[in-house]
Amino acid sequence: MGKVAAKIKVMPNSPEIDLDDLQERLEQSLPEGAKINGFERDDVAFGLVALLPTVVVPDDAGGTEAVEEAFHGVDGVESVSVENVGRI
């Protein structure tokens, strides 16, 4: 069984969001079998910073949909989009 790695862009709903706290909440929201393999930060505009976690999920888990749904449910998240996906 292979694994899929996806870089996901998570936009907070405000520049005042504590990004360290948001990172922790994203990690806690992960579905079973998924794990975060690092975070990057991307300055967007006007003080807004996007989080870019690289998420690894089993190939048979049906892609990143469960992770995207979990991230959407986290307080402080405005939007979630998949930036790129690859098999590892």
N, C-alpha and C. Protein backbone atom coordinates (compact mmCIF):
# COMPACT_ATOMS: atom_id res chain seq x y z
N MET A 1 0.85 -1.18 0.00
CA MET A 1 0.00 0.00 0.00
C MET A 1 0.90 1.24 0.00
N GLY A 2 0.61 2.16 -0.90
CA GLY A 2 1.38 3.39 -0.99
C GLY A 2 0.78 4.49 -0.14
N LYS A 3 1.44 5.62 -0.21
CA LYS A 3 0.96 6.80 0.52
C LYS A 3 0.90 7.98 -0.43
N VAL A 4 0.06 8.93 -0.08
CA VAL A 4 -0.10 10.15 -0.85
C VAL A 4 0.29 11.32 0.03
N ALA A 5 1.10 12.23 -0.52
CA ALA A 5 1.47 13.45 0.19
C ALA A 5 0.81 14.62 -0.53
N ALA A 6 0.18 15.48 0.23
CA ALA A 6 -0.50 16.64 -0.35
C ALA A 6 -0.13 17.89 0.42
N LYS A 7 0.18 18.95 -0.32
CA LYS A 7 0.39 20.25 0.31
C LYS A 7 -0.96 20.97 0.23
N ILE A 8 -1.47 21.36 1.39
CA ILE A 8 -2.79 21.97 1.49
C ILE A 8 -2.64 23.39 2.00
N LYS A 9 -3.30 24.32 1.32
CA LYS A 9 -3.27 25.72 1.74
C LYS A 9 -4.46 26.01 2.63
N VAL A 10 -4.17 26.43 3.86
CA VAL A 10 -5.21 26.74 4.84
C VAL A 10 -5.16 28.24 5.11
N MET A 11 -6.23 28.93 4.76
CA MET A 11 -6.32 30.37 4.98
C MET A 11 -7.08 30.65 6.27
N PRO A 12 -6.45 31.36 7.21
CA PRO A 12 -7.17 31.75 8.43
C PRO A 12 -8.19 32.85 8.10
N ASN A 13 -9.20 32.99 8.94
CA ASN A 13 -10.24 33.99 8.66
C ASN A 13 -9.88 35.39 9.12
N SER A 14 -8.67 35.56 9.70
CA SER A 14 -8.27 36.88 10.17
C SER A 14 -6.75 36.93 10.34
N PRO A 15 -6.15 38.10 10.11
CA PRO A 15 -4.70 38.22 10.36
C PRO A 15 -4.35 38.12 11.85
N GLU A 16 -5.34 38.27 12.73
CA GLU A 16 -5.09 38.23 14.17
C GLU A 16 -5.04 36.81 14.73
N ILE A 17 -5.32 35.81 13.92
CA ILE A 17 -5.32 34.41 14.37
C ILE A 17 -3.91 34.02 14.83
N ASP A 18 -3.82 33.34 15.96
CA ASP A 18 -2.56 32.80 16.46
C ASP A 18 -2.24 31.56 15.61
N LEU A 19 -1.24 31.67 14.74
CA LEU A 19 -0.93 30.59 13.80
C LEU A 19 -0.41 29.33 14.49
N ASP A 20 0.32 29.49 15.58
CA ASP A 20 0.80 28.32 16.31
C ASP A 20 -0.37 27.53 16.89
N ASP A 21 -1.35 28.24 17.43
CA ASP A 21 -2.55 27.61 17.97
C ASP A 21 -3.35 26.94 16.85
N LEU A 22 -3.47 27.63 15.72
CA LEU A 22 -4.19 27.06 14.58
C LEU A 22 -3.51 25.79 14.09
N GLN A 23 -2.18 25.77 14.05
CA GLN A 23 -1.44 24.57 13.66
C GLN A 23 -1.79 23.40 14.57
N GLU A 24 -1.82 23.64 15.87
CA GLU A 24 -2.16 22.58 16.82
C GLU A 24 -3.56 22.06 16.59
N ARG A 25 -4.52 22.97 16.35
CA ARG A 25 -5.90 22.54 16.13
C ARG A 25 -6.03 21.74 14.83
N LEU A 26 -5.25 22.11 13.80
CA LEU A 26 -5.27 21.35 12.55
C LEU A 26 -4.73 19.94 12.78
N GLU A 27 -3.64 19.83 13.53
CA GLU A 27 -3.06 18.51 13.82
C GLU A 27 -4.04 17.64 14.60
N GLN A 28 -4.76 18.24 15.54
CA GLN A 28 -5.71 17.49 16.35
C GLN A 28 -6.95 17.06 15.55
N SER A 29 -7.25 17.74 14.46
CA SER A 29 -8.45 17.44 13.69
C SER A 29 -8.24 16.33 12.65
N LEU A 30 -7.01 15.89 12.47
CA LEU A 30 -6.71 14.92 11.41
C LEU A 30 -7.49 13.62 11.59
N PRO A 31 -8.00 13.07 10.48
CA PRO A 31 -8.65 11.76 10.56
C PRO A 31 -7.61 10.66 10.82
N GLU A 32 -8.06 9.52 11.26
CA GLU A 32 -7.17 8.40 11.56
C GLU A 32 -6.39 7.99 10.31
N GLY A 33 -5.11 7.74 10.49
CA GLY A 33 -4.26 7.32 9.38
C GLY A 33 -3.52 8.45 8.69
N ALA A 34 -3.95 9.69 8.93
CA ALA A 34 -3.31 10.85 8.30
C ALA A 34 -2.33 11.47 9.29
N LYS A 35 -1.26 12.05 8.75
CA LYS A 35 -0.32 12.76 9.62
C LYS A 35 0.25 13.96 8.87
N ILE A 36 0.66 14.95 9.63
CA ILE A 36 1.26 16.14 9.04
C ILE A 36 2.76 15.98 9.07
N ASN A 37 3.37 16.21 7.92
CA ASN A 37 4.82 16.05 7.77
C ASN A 37 5.45 17.43 7.57
N GLY A 38 5.11 18.37 8.44
CA GLY A 38 5.70 19.70 8.37
C GLY A 38 4.73 20.78 7.91
N PHE A 39 5.02 22.00 8.33
CA PHE A 39 4.23 23.18 7.97
C PHE A 39 5.14 24.21 7.32
N GLU A 40 4.60 24.93 6.36
CA GLU A 40 5.23 26.13 5.83
C GLU A 40 4.25 27.26 6.04
N ARG A 41 4.74 28.48 5.95
CA ARG A 41 3.88 29.66 6.06
C ARG A 41 4.10 30.53 4.83
N ASP A 42 3.02 31.11 4.34
CA ASP A 42 3.07 31.91 3.12
C ASP A 42 2.40 33.26 3.39
N ASP A 43 3.18 34.34 3.31
CA ASP A 43 2.60 35.68 3.46
C ASP A 43 1.72 35.96 2.26
N VAL A 44 0.44 36.23 2.52
CA VAL A 44 -0.52 36.44 1.43
C VAL A 44 -0.63 37.93 1.13
N ALA A 45 -1.19 38.70 2.06
CA ALA A 45 -1.33 40.15 1.87
C ALA A 45 -1.90 40.76 3.14
N PHE A 46 -1.54 42.03 3.38
CA PHE A 46 -2.11 42.81 4.48
C PHE A 46 -2.00 42.09 5.82
N GLY A 47 -0.88 41.41 6.06
CA GLY A 47 -0.66 40.73 7.32
C GLY A 47 -1.25 39.33 7.41
N LEU A 48 -1.97 38.91 6.39
CA LEU A 48 -2.57 37.58 6.39
C LEU A 48 -1.53 36.54 5.97
N VAL A 49 -1.41 35.48 6.76
CA VAL A 49 -0.43 34.43 6.49
C VAL A 49 -1.17 33.10 6.37
N ALA A 50 -0.95 32.39 5.26
CA ALA A 50 -1.56 31.07 5.05
C ALA A 50 -0.64 30.00 5.62
N LEU A 51 -1.24 28.95 6.14
CA LEU A 51 -0.49 27.77 6.57
C LEU A 51 -0.50 26.75 5.44
N LEU A 52 0.63 26.11 5.22
CA LEU A 52 0.75 25.10 4.17
C LEU A 52 1.26 23.79 4.77
N PRO A 53 0.37 23.01 5.40
CA PRO A 53 0.80 21.72 5.92
C PRO A 53 0.97 20.71 4.79
N THR A 54 1.98 19.85 4.92
CA THR A 54 2.12 18.71 4.02
C THR A 54 1.54 17.52 4.76
N VAL A 55 0.47 16.96 4.20
CA VAL A 55 -0.27 15.89 4.85
C VAL A 55 -0.01 14.58 4.12
N VAL A 56 0.28 13.53 4.87
CA VAL A 56 0.49 12.21 4.30
C VAL A 56 -0.68 11.32 4.71
N VAL A 57 -1.32 10.70 3.70
CA VAL A 57 -2.45 9.81 3.94
C VAL A 57 -2.21 8.50 3.19
N PRO A 58 -2.77 7.39 3.69
CA PRO A 58 -2.66 6.13 2.96
C PRO A 58 -3.35 6.25 1.60
N ASP A 59 -2.78 5.56 0.61
CA ASP A 59 -3.31 5.62 -0.76
C ASP A 59 -4.75 5.13 -0.84
N ASP A 60 -5.13 4.20 0.01
CA ASP A 60 -6.49 3.65 -0.04
C ASP A 60 -7.50 4.46 0.78
N ALA A 61 -7.07 5.60 1.31
CA ALA A 61 -7.97 6.42 2.15
C ALA A 61 -8.91 7.29 1.33
N GLY A 62 -8.84 7.22 0.01
CA GLY A 62 -9.75 8.00 -0.82
C GLY A 62 -9.27 9.42 -1.06
N GLY A 63 -7.98 9.63 -1.04
CA GLY A 63 -7.44 10.95 -1.30
C GLY A 63 -7.46 11.84 -0.08
N THR A 64 -7.53 13.13 -0.33
CA THR A 64 -7.41 14.11 0.76
C THR A 64 -8.75 14.67 1.23
N GLU A 65 -9.85 14.13 0.72
CA GLU A 65 -11.17 14.70 1.05
C GLU A 65 -11.44 14.71 2.55
N ALA A 66 -11.12 13.63 3.25
CA ALA A 66 -11.39 13.57 4.70
C ALA A 66 -10.57 14.62 5.44
N VAL A 67 -9.33 14.82 5.00
CA VAL A 67 -8.47 15.83 5.64
C VAL A 67 -9.02 17.23 5.37
N GLU A 68 -9.41 17.48 4.12
CA GLU A 68 -9.97 18.79 3.78
C GLU A 68 -11.22 19.09 4.61
N GLU A 69 -12.10 18.11 4.74
CA GLU A 69 -13.32 18.30 5.54
C GLU A 69 -12.98 18.57 7.00
N ALA A 70 -11.99 17.83 7.53
CA ALA A 70 -11.59 18.03 8.93
C ALA A 70 -11.03 19.44 9.12
N PHE A 71 -10.20 19.91 8.19
CA PHE A 71 -9.62 21.24 8.29
C PHE A 71 -10.70 22.32 8.18
N HIS A 72 -11.71 22.11 7.33
CA HIS A 72 -12.81 23.08 7.21
C HIS A 72 -13.55 23.25 8.53
N GLY A 73 -13.60 22.19 9.34
CA GLY A 73 -14.32 22.24 10.60
C GLY A 73 -13.56 22.88 11.74
N VAL A 74 -12.31 23.26 11.52
CA VAL A 74 -11.49 23.87 12.58
C VAL A 74 -11.84 25.34 12.72
N ASP A 75 -12.04 25.77 13.96
CA ASP A 75 -12.37 27.17 14.24
C ASP A 75 -11.22 28.07 13.79
N GLY A 76 -11.55 29.13 13.05
CA GLY A 76 -10.54 30.08 12.58
C GLY A 76 -10.10 29.85 11.14
N VAL A 77 -10.60 28.78 10.50
CA VAL A 77 -10.23 28.49 9.11
C VAL A 77 -11.25 29.09 8.16
N GLU A 78 -10.76 29.91 7.23
CA GLU A 78 -11.62 30.52 6.22
C GLU A 78 -11.79 29.60 5.02
N SER A 79 -10.66 29.07 4.49
CA SER A 79 -10.75 28.20 3.31
C SER A 79 -9.61 27.19 3.32
N VAL A 80 -9.84 26.09 2.58
CA VAL A 80 -8.87 25.02 2.45
C VAL A 80 -8.80 24.64 0.97
N SER A 81 -7.58 24.57 0.44
CA SER A 81 -7.43 24.15 -0.96
C SER A 81 -6.17 23.31 -1.10
N VAL A 82 -6.23 22.32 -1.97
CA VAL A 82 -5.09 21.45 -2.22
C VAL A 82 -4.18 22.13 -3.25
N GLU A 83 -2.92 22.32 -2.88
CA GLU A 83 -1.96 22.97 -3.78
C GLU A 83 -1.31 21.96 -4.72
N ASN A 84 -0.86 20.82 -4.20
CA ASN A 84 -0.35 19.74 -5.07
C ASN A 84 -0.40 18.42 -4.33
N VAL A 85 -0.40 17.34 -5.12
CA VAL A 85 -0.53 15.99 -4.59
C VAL A 85 0.46 15.09 -5.32
N GLY A 86 1.05 14.17 -4.59
CA GLY A 86 1.95 13.20 -5.22
C GLY A 86 2.01 11.93 -4.40
N ARG A 87 2.37 10.82 -5.06
CA ARG A 87 2.54 9.56 -4.36
C ARG A 87 3.94 9.45 -3.81
N ILE A 88 4.06 8.82 -2.65
CA ILE A 88 5.39 8.60 -2.08
C ILE A 88 5.57 7.13 -1.75
